[in-house]
Amino acid sequence: QGYSGDGITCNDIDECLTNNGGCSMNAKCSNTIGSRTCSCNQGYFGDGITCDDIGECQVNNGGCSMNAQCSNTIGSRTCSCNQGYSGDGITC
């Protein structure tokens, strides 16, 4: 399994070339000898086969200023200063 050939000569199959190797569409597939590994992209958690969005805003306001609104986005988050404040959302 993980190889192709005639049994005398066998070559590694790059599983990642077909359907991302069975990894989640939110994961990176890495070919290994005779197999593959899956790891979730930044902003996602899971085993690589299944990757779910991390709710960045749930912990420490997502790194946004305490005077900002954190909004979860798929794979990330955005920060925007509250009314009456200016800045980039990280610093208000």
Protein backbone atom coordinates (compact mmCIF):
# COMPACT_ATOMS: atom_id res chain seq x y z
CA GLN A 1 0.00 0.00 0.00
CA GLY A 2 1.31 3.47 -0.90
CA TYR A 3 3.45 2.12 -3.75
CA SER A 4 2.90 1.32 -7.40
CA GLY A 5 4.82 -0.95 -9.73
CA ASP A 6 5.15 -4.52 -10.85
CA GLY A 7 6.31 -5.98 -7.51
CA ILE A 8 9.91 -6.05 -8.64
CA THR A 9 10.20 -2.30 -8.99
CA CYS A 10 7.96 -0.25 -6.68
CA ASN A 11 7.70 3.52 -6.51
CA ASP A 12 6.15 5.69 -3.83
CA ILE A 13 2.71 7.12 -4.71
CA ASP A 14 2.24 10.81 -3.90
CA GLU A 15 -1.16 10.51 -2.22
CA CYS A 16 -1.42 14.32 -1.98
CA LEU A 17 -1.88 14.63 -5.75
CA THR A 18 -5.38 13.14 -5.58
CA ASN A 19 -8.14 14.79 -3.53
CA ASN A 20 -5.57 16.42 -1.18
CA GLY A 21 -4.68 12.91 0.02
CA GLY A 22 -7.98 12.59 1.87
CA CYS A 23 -7.01 15.50 4.13
CA SER A 24 -9.45 18.27 4.98
CA MET A 25 -9.69 21.10 2.47
CA ASN A 26 -8.45 23.26 5.40
CA ALA A 27 -5.31 21.14 5.83
CA LYS A 28 -1.91 20.65 4.22
CA CYS A 29 -1.15 17.22 2.83
CA SER A 30 2.51 16.16 2.99
CA ASN A 31 3.67 13.09 1.09
CA THR A 32 5.74 10.60 3.08
CA ILE A 33 7.34 7.35 1.94
CA GLY A 34 4.43 4.93 1.47
CA SER A 35 1.84 7.26 2.97
CA ARG A 36 1.01 10.92 3.75
CA THR A 37 0.37 13.20 6.73
CA CYS A 38 -2.32 15.85 7.16
CA SER A 39 -2.01 18.96 9.33
CA CYS A 40 -4.62 21.66 9.78
CA ASN A 41 -3.88 25.11 8.37
CA GLN A 42 -3.29 28.07 10.67
CA GLY A 43 -6.57 29.18 12.22
CA TYR A 44 -7.95 25.62 12.30
CA PHE A 45 -7.68 22.70 14.72
CA GLY A 46 -8.17 18.97 14.36
CA ASP A 47 -6.41 15.85 13.17
CA GLY A 48 -5.91 17.03 9.58
CA ILE A 49 -8.63 14.78 8.24
CA THR A 50 -11.19 17.00 9.97
CA CYS A 51 -10.27 20.63 10.64
CA ASP A 52 -12.56 23.10 12.40
CA ASP A 53 -12.28 26.86 12.63
CA ILE A 54 -10.69 28.19 15.82
CA GLY A 55 -12.87 30.81 17.53
CA GLU A 56 -10.00 33.26 18.04
CA CYS A 57 -12.27 35.81 19.75
CA GLN A 58 -13.09 33.44 22.61
CA VAL A 59 -9.68 33.84 24.25
CA ASN A 60 -8.25 37.23 25.27
CA ASN A 61 -10.57 39.04 22.83
CA GLY A 62 -8.58 37.47 19.99
CA GLY A 63 -5.57 39.70 20.72
CA CYS A 64 -7.64 42.77 19.88
CA SER A 65 -7.55 45.88 22.07
CA MET A 66 -9.89 45.85 25.07
CA ASN A 67 -11.45 48.90 23.33
CA ALA A 68 -12.14 46.92 20.15
CA GLN A 69 -14.61 44.43 18.80
CA CYS A 70 -13.21 41.04 17.77
CA SER A 71 -15.07 39.31 14.92
CA ASN A 72 -14.31 35.68 14.12
CA THR A 73 -13.75 34.92 10.43
CA ILE A 74 -13.07 31.57 8.79
CA GLY A 75 -9.48 30.73 9.70
CA SER A 76 -8.77 34.08 11.37
CA ARG A 77 -10.38 37.12 13.04
CA THR A 78 -10.68 40.88 12.55
CA CYS A 79 -10.38 43.66 15.12
CA SER A 80 -12.09 47.02 14.83
CA CYS A 81 -11.92 49.85 17.37
CA ASN A 82 -15.10 50.69 19.25
CA GLN A 83 -16.93 53.92 18.46
CA GLY A 84 -15.00 56.87 19.89
CA TYR A 85 -11.61 55.14 19.46
CA SER A 86 -9.20 55.07 16.54
CA GLY A 87 -6.47 52.66 15.55
CA ASP A 88 -6.00 49.31 13.85
CA GLY A 89 -8.07 47.28 16.33
CA ILE A 90 -5.00 45.79 17.98
CA THR A 91 -4.21 49.21 19.44
CA CYS A 92 -7.09 51.64 19.98
